[in-house]
N, C-alpha and C. Protein backbone atom coordinates (compact mmCIF):
# COMPACT_ATOMS: atom_id res chain seq x y z
N UNK A 1 3.37 58.11 -60.26
CA UNK A 1 2.43 58.66 -59.12
C UNK A 1 1.88 57.32 -58.30
N UNK A 2 2.19 57.85 -57.20
CA UNK A 2 1.83 56.19 -56.31
C UNK A 2 0.38 55.48 -56.05
N UNK A 3 0.15 55.10 -56.82
CA UNK A 3 -1.05 54.89 -56.14
C UNK A 3 -1.09 53.05 -56.76
N UNK A 4 0.19 52.64 -56.27
CA UNK A 4 1.01 51.06 -56.01
C UNK A 4 -0.14 50.67 -55.20
N UNK A 5 0.92 50.19 -53.75
CA UNK A 5 0.01 49.22 -52.92
C UNK A 5 -0.21 50.44 -51.63
N UNK A 6 -0.63 49.85 -50.81
CA UNK A 6 -1.50 50.45 -49.64
C UNK A 6 -1.26 50.76 -49.07
N UNK A 7 -1.74 51.88 -48.28
CA UNK A 7 -1.57 53.12 -47.29
C UNK A 7 -1.61 52.41 -45.84
N UNK A 8 -1.36 52.14 -44.66
CA UNK A 8 -1.75 52.60 -43.60
C UNK A 8 -2.68 53.08 -43.65
N UNK A 9 -3.61 52.42 -42.57
CA UNK A 9 -4.94 53.40 -42.00
C UNK A 9 -4.24 54.26 -41.10
N UNK A 10 -2.83 54.45 -40.49
CA UNK A 10 -2.40 55.00 -39.27
C UNK A 10 -0.87 55.47 -40.17
N UNK A 11 -1.18 55.83 -40.72
CA UNK A 11 0.09 56.68 -41.07
C UNK A 11 0.11 57.75 -40.91
N UNK A 12 1.03 58.70 -40.53
CA UNK A 12 1.59 59.80 -39.68
C UNK A 12 0.09 61.03 -39.98
N UNK A 13 0.17 61.93 -39.15
CA UNK A 13 -0.40 63.28 -39.24
C UNK A 13 0.40 63.89 -39.83
N UNK A 14 0.43 64.58 -40.91
CA UNK A 14 1.47 64.98 -41.54
C UNK A 14 1.20 67.11 -41.35
N UNK A 15 2.40 67.14 -41.57
CA UNK A 15 2.37 68.74 -41.13
C UNK A 15 2.88 69.77 -41.94
N UNK A 16 2.05 70.57 -42.56
CA UNK A 16 3.72 71.64 -43.54
C UNK A 16 4.85 71.63 -42.88
N UNK A 17 5.58 72.61 -43.86
CA UNK A 17 7.12 72.93 -43.53
C UNK A 17 7.14 73.74 -42.05
N UNK A 18 6.01 74.38 -41.99
CA UNK A 18 5.99 76.22 -40.57
C UNK A 18 5.77 74.93 -39.32
N UNK A 19 5.02 73.56 -39.64
CA UNK A 19 4.62 73.11 -38.49
C UNK A 19 2.95 73.19 -38.05
N UNK A 20 1.87 73.65 -39.28
CA UNK A 20 0.92 73.59 -38.58
C UNK A 20 0.35 72.32 -39.28
N UNK A 21 -1.27 72.16 -39.18
CA UNK A 21 -1.83 70.83 -38.83
C UNK A 21 -2.15 71.29 -40.36
N UNK A 22 -2.10 70.57 -41.27
CA UNK A 22 -2.67 70.34 -42.83
C UNK A 22 -4.48 69.49 -43.32
N UNK A 23 -4.80 69.18 -41.86
CA UNK A 23 -5.96 68.83 -41.75
C UNK A 23 -7.19 69.53 -42.51
N UNK A 24 -8.20 68.51 -43.18
CA UNK A 24 -9.03 69.57 -43.36
C UNK A 24 -9.77 69.29 -43.72
N UNK A 25 -11.73 69.34 -43.71
CA UNK A 25 -12.81 68.74 -44.12
C UNK A 25 -12.95 68.21 -45.31
N UNK A 26 -13.85 66.95 -46.08
CA UNK A 26 -13.96 66.33 -47.51
C UNK A 26 -14.94 66.40 -47.24
N UNK A 27 -16.45 66.69 -47.94
CA UNK A 27 -17.39 65.86 -48.25
C UNK A 27 -17.29 65.32 -49.87
N UNK A 28 -17.72 64.38 -49.47
CA UNK A 28 -18.38 63.65 -51.00
C UNK A 28 -20.05 63.34 -51.09
N UNK A 29 -20.61 64.13 -52.08
CA UNK A 29 -21.48 63.86 -51.96
C UNK A 29 -22.68 64.20 -53.66
N UNK A 30 -23.62 63.58 -53.37
CA UNK A 30 -24.99 63.23 -54.44
C UNK A 30 -25.47 62.83 -54.41
N UNK A 31 -26.99 62.80 -55.33
CA UNK A 31 -28.19 62.23 -55.77
C UNK A 31 -27.55 60.49 -55.57
N UNK A 32 -28.24 59.77 -55.22
CA UNK A 32 -27.43 58.42 -55.63
C UNK A 32 -27.37 58.06 -57.36
N UNK A 33 -28.59 58.58 -58.53
CA UNK A 33 -28.17 58.25 -59.56
C UNK A 33 -27.86 59.70 -60.09
N UNK A 34 -27.16 60.48 -59.27
CA UNK A 34 -26.20 61.79 -59.92
C UNK A 34 -25.13 61.25 -59.53
N UNK A 35 -24.39 62.48 -60.35
CA UNK A 35 -22.84 62.64 -60.51
C UNK A 35 -22.89 63.00 -58.25
N UNK A 36 -21.43 62.83 -58.59
CA UNK A 36 -20.45 63.21 -57.06
C UNK A 36 -19.89 64.62 -57.14
N UNK A 37 -20.12 65.10 -55.99
CA UNK A 37 -19.50 66.81 -55.96
C UNK A 37 -18.73 65.89 -55.10
N UNK A 38 -17.31 67.07 -55.04
CA UNK A 38 -16.32 66.78 -53.62
C UNK A 38 -15.83 68.52 -53.13
N UNK A 39 -16.84 68.45 -51.64
CA UNK A 39 -16.06 69.74 -51.53
C UNK A 39 -14.96 69.60 -50.51
N UNK A 40 -14.67 70.84 -50.07
CA UNK A 40 -13.21 70.95 -49.28
C UNK A 40 -13.38 72.25 -48.48
N UNK A 41 -13.49 71.90 -47.60
CA UNK A 41 -13.57 72.78 -46.38
C UNK A 41 -11.84 73.11 -45.11
N UNK A 42 -11.77 74.44 -44.71
CA UNK A 42 -11.19 74.05 -43.80
C UNK A 42 -11.18 73.08 -42.37
N UNK A 43 -12.59 73.67 -41.93
CA UNK A 43 -13.70 72.82 -40.91
C UNK A 43 -15.00 73.30 -41.61
N UNK A 44 -16.03 72.02 -40.59
CA UNK A 44 -17.43 71.54 -40.93
C UNK A 44 -18.06 72.84 -41.16
N UNK A 45 -17.68 74.00 -40.03
CA UNK A 45 -18.49 75.54 -40.50
C UNK A 45 -18.16 76.28 -41.50
N UNK A 46 -17.61 76.46 -42.37
CA UNK A 46 -16.45 76.98 -43.03
C UNK A 46 -17.36 76.94 -44.54
N UNK A 47 -16.83 77.98 -45.18
CA UNK A 47 -17.56 78.07 -47.24
C UNK A 47 -17.19 77.24 -47.59
N UNK A 48 -17.18 75.97 -48.73
CA UNK A 48 -16.19 75.56 -49.30
C UNK A 48 -15.19 76.00 -50.14
N UNK A 49 -13.74 75.72 -49.88
CA UNK A 49 -12.86 76.22 -50.52
C UNK A 49 -12.69 75.30 -51.74
N UNK A 50 -13.57 74.39 -51.95
CA UNK A 50 -13.08 73.97 -53.17
C UNK A 50 -14.07 72.96 -53.88
N UNK A 51 -14.87 73.15 -54.50
CA UNK A 51 -16.38 72.18 -55.79
C UNK A 51 -15.80 71.67 -56.86
N UNK A 52 -15.62 70.01 -57.14
CA UNK A 52 -14.88 69.63 -57.71
C UNK A 52 -16.38 68.65 -57.84
N UNK A 53 -17.26 68.82 -59.34
CA UNK A 53 -18.15 67.90 -60.05
C UNK A 53 -17.06 67.46 -60.52
N UNK A 54 -17.47 65.88 -60.31
CA UNK A 54 -16.91 64.70 -60.51
C UNK A 54 -17.99 63.55 -62.15
N UNK A 55 -17.62 63.06 -62.76
CA UNK A 55 -18.54 62.46 -63.61
C UNK A 55 -18.93 60.96 -63.47
N UNK A 56 -17.90 60.38 -62.66
CA UNK A 56 -18.23 59.30 -61.62
C UNK A 56 -19.72 59.02 -60.48
N UNK A 57 -20.51 58.28 -60.84
CA UNK A 57 -21.86 58.52 -60.48
C UNK A 57 -21.69 57.94 -58.88
N UNK A 58 -23.06 58.20 -58.13
CA UNK A 58 -22.79 58.09 -56.84
C UNK A 58 -23.05 56.63 -56.54
N UNK A 59 -23.76 55.71 -57.27
CA UNK A 59 -24.14 54.88 -56.71
C UNK A 59 -22.64 54.29 -57.60
N UNK A 60 -22.14 54.13 -58.07
CA UNK A 60 -21.02 53.18 -59.05
C UNK A 60 -19.86 53.44 -57.86
N UNK A 61 -20.06 55.03 -56.93
CA UNK A 61 -18.53 55.49 -56.04
C UNK A 61 -18.77 54.64 -54.91
N UNK A 62 -20.19 54.70 -54.66
CA UNK A 62 -20.79 53.84 -52.95
C UNK A 62 -19.73 52.50 -53.34
N UNK A 63 -19.89 51.78 -55.09
CA UNK A 63 -19.68 50.20 -55.01
C UNK A 63 -18.27 50.22 -53.97
N UNK A 64 -17.56 51.20 -55.13
CA UNK A 64 -16.07 51.45 -55.15
C UNK A 64 -15.53 51.40 -53.58
N UNK A 65 -16.52 52.25 -52.85
CA UNK A 65 -16.41 52.51 -51.09
C UNK A 65 -16.28 51.40 -50.86
N UNK A 66 -17.34 50.22 -50.79
CA UNK A 66 -18.11 49.25 -50.19
C UNK A 66 -16.20 48.28 -49.87
N UNK A 67 -15.84 48.26 -51.84
CA UNK A 67 -14.17 47.37 -52.36
C UNK A 67 -13.40 47.91 -51.30
N UNK A 68 -13.48 48.55 -50.19
CA UNK A 68 -12.38 48.85 -49.32
C UNK A 68 -11.30 50.07 -49.96
N UNK A 69 -10.56 49.86 -50.22
CA UNK A 69 -9.16 51.05 -50.80
C UNK A 69 -9.78 51.81 -51.91
N UNK A 70 -9.52 53.26 -52.32
CA UNK A 70 -10.03 53.83 -53.87
C UNK A 70 -9.09 54.95 -53.98
N UNK A 71 -8.77 54.90 -54.35
CA UNK A 71 -7.64 55.92 -55.56
C UNK A 71 -8.01 56.51 -55.91
N UNK A 72 -8.43 57.89 -56.02
CA UNK A 72 -8.89 58.57 -57.27
C UNK A 72 -7.63 59.19 -57.50
N UNK A 73 -7.66 59.66 -58.41
CA UNK A 73 -6.13 60.69 -59.82
C UNK A 73 -7.27 61.74 -60.58
N UNK A 74 -6.85 62.99 -59.72
CA UNK A 74 -7.44 63.86 -61.18
C UNK A 74 -6.80 64.84 -61.74
N UNK A 75 -6.23 64.42 -63.24
CA UNK A 75 -5.39 65.13 -63.64
C UNK A 75 -5.57 66.35 -64.31
N UNK A 76 -4.92 67.45 -64.25
CA UNK A 76 -4.29 68.31 -65.05
C UNK A 76 -3.64 68.67 -66.09
N UNK A 77 -3.56 69.05 -67.27
CA UNK A 77 -2.83 70.09 -68.09
C UNK A 77 -1.89 71.03 -67.23
N UNK A 78 -0.89 71.01 -68.14
CA UNK A 78 0.00 72.28 -67.75
C UNK A 78 -0.02 73.30 -68.37
N UNK A 79 -0.45 74.82 -67.91
CA UNK A 79 -0.25 75.11 -68.79
C UNK A 79 1.23 75.71 -68.97
N UNK A 80 1.14 77.42 -69.93
CA UNK A 80 1.94 77.81 -70.56
C UNK A 80 2.97 78.70 -68.82
N UNK A 81 4.04 78.88 -68.65
CA UNK A 81 4.60 78.75 -67.79
C UNK A 81 4.87 79.98 -66.89
N UNK A 82 3.86 81.38 -67.87
CA UNK A 82 3.64 82.85 -66.97
C UNK A 82 2.29 82.36 -66.72
N UNK A 83 2.07 81.23 -66.80
CA UNK A 83 0.37 81.22 -65.95
C UNK A 83 0.84 80.68 -64.21
N UNK A 84 0.07 81.18 -63.51
CA UNK A 84 0.47 81.06 -62.21
C UNK A 84 -0.65 80.19 -61.29
N UNK A 85 -2.01 79.61 -62.41
CA UNK A 85 -2.88 79.23 -61.42
C UNK A 85 -2.10 77.75 -60.56
N UNK A 86 -2.74 78.69 -59.32
CA UNK A 86 -3.05 77.75 -58.28
C UNK A 86 -3.14 76.00 -58.90
N UNK A 87 -2.93 74.92 -58.25
CA UNK A 87 -2.86 73.56 -58.29
C UNK A 87 -4.41 73.83 -58.86
N UNK A 88 -5.10 73.53 -57.25
CA UNK A 88 -6.41 73.54 -56.90
C UNK A 88 -7.54 74.61 -57.81
N UNK A 89 -7.05 75.57 -57.77
CA UNK A 89 -7.77 76.03 -58.60
C UNK A 89 -8.21 75.97 -59.85
N UNK A 90 -7.98 74.67 -60.73
CA UNK A 90 -7.89 74.58 -62.67
C UNK A 90 -8.91 74.23 -62.63
N UNK A 91 -9.01 74.69 -63.88
CA UNK A 91 -11.25 74.52 -64.14
C UNK A 91 -11.40 73.00 -63.99
N UNK A 92 -10.22 72.78 -65.59
CA UNK A 92 -11.00 70.98 -65.51
C UNK A 92 -9.79 70.14 -65.55
N UNK A 93 -10.53 68.80 -64.93
CA UNK A 93 -9.82 67.61 -65.01
C UNK A 93 -9.68 66.33 -65.51
N UNK A 94 -8.90 65.38 -65.93
CA UNK A 94 -9.21 64.45 -65.98
C UNK A 94 -9.39 63.26 -65.00
N UNK A 95 -9.97 62.11 -64.88
CA UNK A 95 -10.35 61.63 -63.16
C UNK A 95 -10.34 60.25 -64.05
N UNK A 96 -9.31 59.19 -62.94
CA UNK A 96 -9.62 58.08 -63.08
C UNK A 96 -9.85 57.85 -61.39
N UNK A 97 -10.50 56.65 -61.64
CA UNK A 97 -10.99 56.52 -60.11
C UNK A 97 -10.06 54.39 -60.38
N UNK A 98 -9.28 54.23 -58.95
CA UNK A 98 -8.49 52.86 -59.02
C UNK A 98 -8.15 52.57 -60.53
N UNK A 99 -7.32 52.85 -60.95
CA UNK A 99 -6.23 53.04 -62.60
C UNK A 99 -7.23 52.80 -63.11
N UNK A 100 -8.37 52.94 -63.46
CA UNK A 100 -9.73 53.19 -64.55
C UNK A 100 -9.65 54.96 -65.00
N UNK A 101 -10.20 55.45 -66.00
CA UNK A 101 -9.71 56.50 -66.65
C UNK A 101 -11.95 56.39 -66.05
N UNK A 102 -12.23 57.79 -65.45
CA UNK A 102 -14.27 57.39 -65.48
C UNK A 102 -13.98 58.86 -65.78
N UNK A 103 -13.69 59.95 -66.69
CA UNK A 103 -14.58 61.08 -66.80
C UNK A 103 -13.87 61.82 -66.86
N UNK A 104 -14.26 63.54 -66.48
CA UNK A 104 -13.85 64.28 -66.06
C UNK A 104 -14.43 64.72 -64.63
N UNK A 105 -13.50 65.87 -64.23
CA UNK A 105 -14.03 66.70 -62.96
C UNK A 105 -14.25 67.76 -63.59
N UNK A 106 -14.91 69.01 -62.69
CA UNK A 106 -14.74 70.67 -63.23
C UNK A 106 -15.20 70.77 -61.82
N UNK A 107 -13.74 72.02 -61.27
CA UNK A 107 -14.44 72.62 -60.94
C UNK A 107 -15.33 73.94 -60.55
N UNK A 108 -16.38 74.11 -60.15
CA UNK A 108 -17.11 75.60 -59.88
C UNK A 108 -17.50 75.72 -58.78
N UNK A 109 -18.32 76.97 -59.31
CA UNK A 109 -17.76 77.53 -57.63
C UNK A 109 -19.38 77.08 -56.92
N UNK A 110 -19.70 77.11 -55.43
CA UNK A 110 -20.60 76.59 -55.17
C UNK A 110 -22.17 76.75 -55.03
N UNK A 111 -22.79 76.29 -55.17
CA UNK A 111 -24.70 75.91 -55.72
C UNK A 111 -25.61 76.36 -54.79
N UNK A 112 -26.36 77.17 -54.84
CA UNK A 112 -26.90 77.41 -53.68
C UNK A 112 -28.16 75.62 -53.09
N UNK A 113 -27.58 74.52 -53.63
CA UNK A 113 -28.14 73.31 -53.18
C UNK A 113 -26.63 72.65 -52.24
N UNK A 114 -25.88 72.88 -52.86
CA UNK A 114 -24.23 72.22 -52.49
C UNK A 114 -24.24 73.24 -50.90
N UNK A 115 -24.22 74.66 -50.94
CA UNK A 115 -24.69 75.78 -49.52
C UNK A 115 -25.63 74.33 -48.46
N UNK A 116 -26.27 74.46 -49.54
CA UNK A 116 -27.59 74.20 -47.91
C UNK A 116 -27.01 72.01 -47.74
N UNK A 117 -26.61 71.72 -48.77
CA UNK A 117 -26.14 70.04 -48.02
C UNK A 117 -24.96 70.74 -46.74
N UNK A 118 -24.49 71.90 -47.36
CA UNK A 118 -22.70 71.85 -45.99
C UNK A 118 -24.05 72.49 -44.85
N UNK A 119 -24.87 72.91 -45.09
CA UNK A 119 -24.91 73.97 -43.87
C UNK A 119 -26.31 72.64 -42.95
N UNK A 120 -26.60 71.52 -43.97
CA UNK A 120 -27.39 70.52 -42.56
C UNK A 120 -26.40 69.52 -42.32
N UNK A 121 -25.03 69.90 -43.12
CA UNK A 121 -23.65 68.91 -42.05
C UNK A 121 -22.90 69.53 -41.61
N UNK A 122 -22.97 70.87 -41.12
CA UNK A 122 -21.73 71.90 -40.37
C UNK A 122 -22.21 70.90 -39.46
N UNK A 123 -22.49 69.82 -38.44
CA UNK A 123 -22.43 69.30 -36.92
C UNK A 123 -21.88 67.98 -36.79
N UNK A 124 -21.98 67.37 -38.75
CA UNK A 124 -21.16 66.79 -38.81
C UNK A 124 -19.58 66.53 -39.09
N UNK A 125 -18.76 66.04 -38.18
CA UNK A 125 -17.64 66.11 -38.27
C UNK A 125 -16.76 65.10 -39.34
N UNK A 126 -17.81 63.86 -39.45
CA UNK A 126 -17.37 63.40 -39.69
C UNK A 126 -18.89 61.70 -40.17
N UNK A 127 -18.80 61.09 -40.74
CA UNK A 127 -20.06 60.71 -41.07
C UNK A 127 -20.60 60.25 -42.70
N UNK A 128 -21.25 59.23 -42.95
CA UNK A 128 -21.75 58.73 -43.91
C UNK A 128 -23.29 58.74 -43.35
N UNK A 129 -23.85 59.26 -44.11
CA UNK A 129 -25.84 58.90 -44.47
C UNK A 129 -26.51 59.52 -45.75
N UNK A 130 -27.63 59.86 -45.01
CA UNK A 130 -28.42 59.57 -47.01
C UNK A 130 -28.40 61.36 -45.66
N UNK A 131 -28.85 62.31 -46.92
CA UNK A 131 -29.98 63.47 -46.95
C UNK A 131 -31.54 63.14 -47.14
N UNK A 132 -32.67 64.21 -47.38
CA UNK A 132 -33.38 64.29 -47.88
C UNK A 132 -33.46 65.12 -48.83
N UNK A 133 -34.00 64.87 -50.03
CA UNK A 133 -33.88 65.75 -51.05
C UNK A 133 -34.78 65.71 -52.29
N UNK A 134 -35.18 66.36 -53.08
CA UNK A 134 -36.45 67.59 -53.39
C UNK A 134 -37.12 65.82 -54.18
N UNK A 135 -38.31 65.79 -54.30
CA UNK A 135 -39.77 65.48 -54.89
C UNK A 135 -39.50 65.72 -56.46
N UNK A 136 -38.70 66.30 -56.53
CA UNK A 136 -38.75 66.19 -58.93
C UNK A 136 -37.56 64.95 -59.35
N UNK A 137 -36.93 64.52 -58.39
CA UNK A 137 -35.83 63.49 -58.33
C UNK A 137 -36.62 62.06 -58.11
N UNK A 138 -36.27 60.93 -59.25
CA UNK A 138 -37.10 59.85 -58.54
C UNK A 138 -36.35 59.17 -57.69
N UNK A 139 -35.62 59.29 -57.84
CA UNK A 139 -34.54 59.03 -55.94
C UNK A 139 -34.14 60.14 -55.51
N UNK A 140 -34.38 61.05 -54.76
CA UNK A 140 -34.57 62.06 -53.79
C UNK A 140 -33.48 62.45 -52.84
N UNK A 141 -32.73 61.16 -52.81
CA UNK A 141 -32.10 60.95 -51.33
C UNK A 141 -30.71 61.56 -51.98
N UNK A 142 -30.36 62.11 -51.23
CA UNK A 142 -29.05 62.50 -51.51
C UNK A 142 -27.68 61.42 -50.37
N UNK A 143 -26.48 61.23 -51.25
CA UNK A 143 -25.89 60.60 -49.94
C UNK A 143 -24.20 61.20 -49.71
N UNK A 144 -23.92 61.04 -48.48
CA UNK A 144 -22.97 62.43 -47.72
C UNK A 144 -21.99 61.48 -47.52
N UNK A 145 -20.51 61.88 -47.86
CA UNK A 145 -19.99 61.28 -47.07
C UNK A 145 -18.86 62.17 -46.06
N UNK A 146 -18.46 61.98 -45.33
CA UNK A 146 -17.95 63.67 -45.08
C UNK A 146 -16.52 62.86 -43.75
N UNK A 147 -15.40 63.23 -44.02
CA UNK A 147 -13.87 62.74 -43.39
C UNK A 147 -12.90 64.32 -43.53
N UNK A 148 -12.12 63.32 -42.40
CA UNK A 148 -10.90 64.79 -42.85
C UNK A 148 -10.17 63.89 -43.24
N UNK A 149 -9.06 65.33 -43.98
CA UNK A 149 -7.98 64.47 -44.49
C UNK A 149 -7.06 65.07 -43.91
N UNK A 150 -6.22 64.51 -44.36
CA UNK A 150 -4.51 64.94 -44.58
C UNK A 150 -4.60 65.49 -45.76
N UNK A 151 -3.70 66.99 -45.72
CA UNK A 151 -3.82 67.71 -47.13
C UNK A 151 -1.72 67.99 -47.23
N UNK A 152 -1.68 67.21 -48.79
CA UNK A 152 -0.41 67.11 -48.33
C UNK A 152 0.37 67.51 -50.37
N UNK A 153 1.10 68.84 -49.92
CA UNK A 153 1.67 69.69 -51.31
C UNK A 153 2.70 68.63 -51.17
N UNK A 154 3.38 68.27 -52.73
CA UNK A 154 4.38 67.19 -52.93
C UNK A 154 5.10 68.23 -53.04
N UNK A 155 4.23 69.21 -54.59
CA UNK A 155 5.12 70.36 -55.05
C UNK A 155 3.72 71.33 -56.13
N UNK A 156 4.20 72.48 -56.46
CA UNK A 156 3.41 73.26 -57.65
C UNK A 156 2.42 72.25 -58.29
N UNK A 157 2.75 71.13 -58.61
CA UNK A 157 2.08 70.33 -59.62
C UNK A 157 1.74 69.20 -58.85
N UNK A 158 1.60 69.16 -57.17
CA UNK A 158 1.61 67.32 -56.90
C UNK A 158 0.96 67.51 -55.51
N UNK A 159 -0.91 67.65 -55.57
CA UNK A 159 -1.12 67.89 -54.10
C UNK A 159 -1.80 66.35 -53.86
N UNK A 160 -2.11 65.64 -52.16
CA UNK A 160 -2.77 65.09 -52.40
C UNK A 160 -4.04 64.65 -50.73
N UNK A 161 -4.51 64.28 -51.21
CA UNK A 161 -5.92 64.45 -49.73
C UNK A 161 -5.87 62.88 -49.43
N UNK A 162 -4.68 62.49 -48.12
CA UNK A 162 -5.57 61.45 -47.54
C UNK A 162 -6.51 61.41 -46.16
N UNK A 163 -7.17 60.18 -46.70
CA UNK A 163 -8.81 60.61 -45.47
C UNK A 163 -8.38 59.64 -44.86
N UNK A 164 -8.27 60.18 -43.29
CA UNK A 164 -8.35 59.91 -41.61
C UNK A 164 -9.32 58.80 -41.39
N UNK A 165 -9.39 57.93 -41.22
CA UNK A 165 -10.34 56.48 -39.92
C UNK A 165 -10.60 57.09 -39.39
N UNK A 166 -11.11 57.60 -38.20
CA UNK A 166 -11.40 57.33 -36.83
C UNK A 166 -10.62 56.20 -36.03
N UNK A 167 -9.67 56.48 -35.10
CA UNK A 167 -8.89 55.30 -35.07
C UNK A 167 -9.33 53.62 -34.31
N UNK A 168 -8.92 52.77 -34.68
CA UNK A 168 -9.46 51.29 -34.47
C UNK A 168 -10.20 51.32 -35.83
N UNK A 169 -10.64 51.58 -36.18
CA UNK A 169 -11.82 51.94 -37.82
C UNK A 169 -11.08 50.97 -38.90
N UNK A 170 -11.80 50.16 -39.32
CA UNK A 170 -10.52 49.71 -40.90
C UNK A 170 -11.76 49.91 -41.80
N UNK A 171 -12.76 50.83 -41.99
CA UNK A 171 -13.63 51.34 -42.80
C UNK A 171 -12.53 51.62 -43.93
N UNK A 172 -13.32 52.31 -45.41
CA UNK A 172 -12.69 51.78 -46.56
C UNK A 172 -11.85 53.13 -46.81
N UNK A 173 -11.00 53.32 -47.06
CA UNK A 173 -10.10 54.32 -47.63
C UNK A 173 -9.83 54.81 -48.59
N UNK A 174 -9.82 56.00 -48.53
CA UNK A 174 -9.93 57.21 -50.04
C UNK A 174 -8.88 57.92 -49.85
N UNK A 175 -8.43 57.87 -51.11
CA UNK A 175 -7.28 59.02 -51.22
C UNK A 175 -7.27 59.51 -52.44
N UNK A 176 -7.14 61.46 -52.75
CA UNK A 176 -7.16 61.81 -54.20
C UNK A 176 -5.82 62.56 -53.93
N UNK A 177 -5.00 62.13 -55.55
CA UNK A 177 -4.60 62.79 -55.93
C UNK A 177 -4.78 63.71 -56.72
N UNK A 178 -4.24 64.72 -56.97
CA UNK A 178 -4.35 66.34 -57.37
C UNK A 178 -3.00 66.26 -58.53
N UNK A 179 -2.77 66.18 -59.90
CA UNK A 179 -1.90 66.25 -60.53
C UNK A 179 -1.91 67.28 -61.36
N UNK A 180 -0.45 67.74 -61.46
CA UNK A 180 0.06 68.75 -63.22
C UNK A 180 0.71 67.61 -64.31
N UNK A 181 -0.44 67.71 -65.10
CA UNK A 181 1.09 66.62 -66.52
C UNK A 181 1.93 67.87 -67.32
């Protein structure tokens, strides 16, 4: 798994075999003292095609992002040969953040709260911020980071999402590896 050396901020924009764009919108969000959720959308106006609830706390991920480069790997086990589940549709994942086991990830359907976050952010194509939250939480604010990602399919058992930074921006870099082992 290519988790070693750094990836340039200015890597090429990937296209799939038939030449179409592989750029998608990804959003990491969660209450500051809660778990991070990761949502993928074709674009910010679409319903999520993937919602993955990760066991990493939002404030812990924010600290990792402040350090600069973050590599997240989520792994699932290979199923029987007759099972044709697509990689991004796997339900349970083991998660690693910068090489350290960080718990688990669970694919789930988008909740009403997830859809509310997506609705509030539909005009945001890229950005980082805080959304007001519900008063029932001690820390009711929800932090988010939305960016464009290049989605690269390596095989039926390997897909990678490379976060794209705006030109000239040397902000944090995030890469997510989805691997079936």
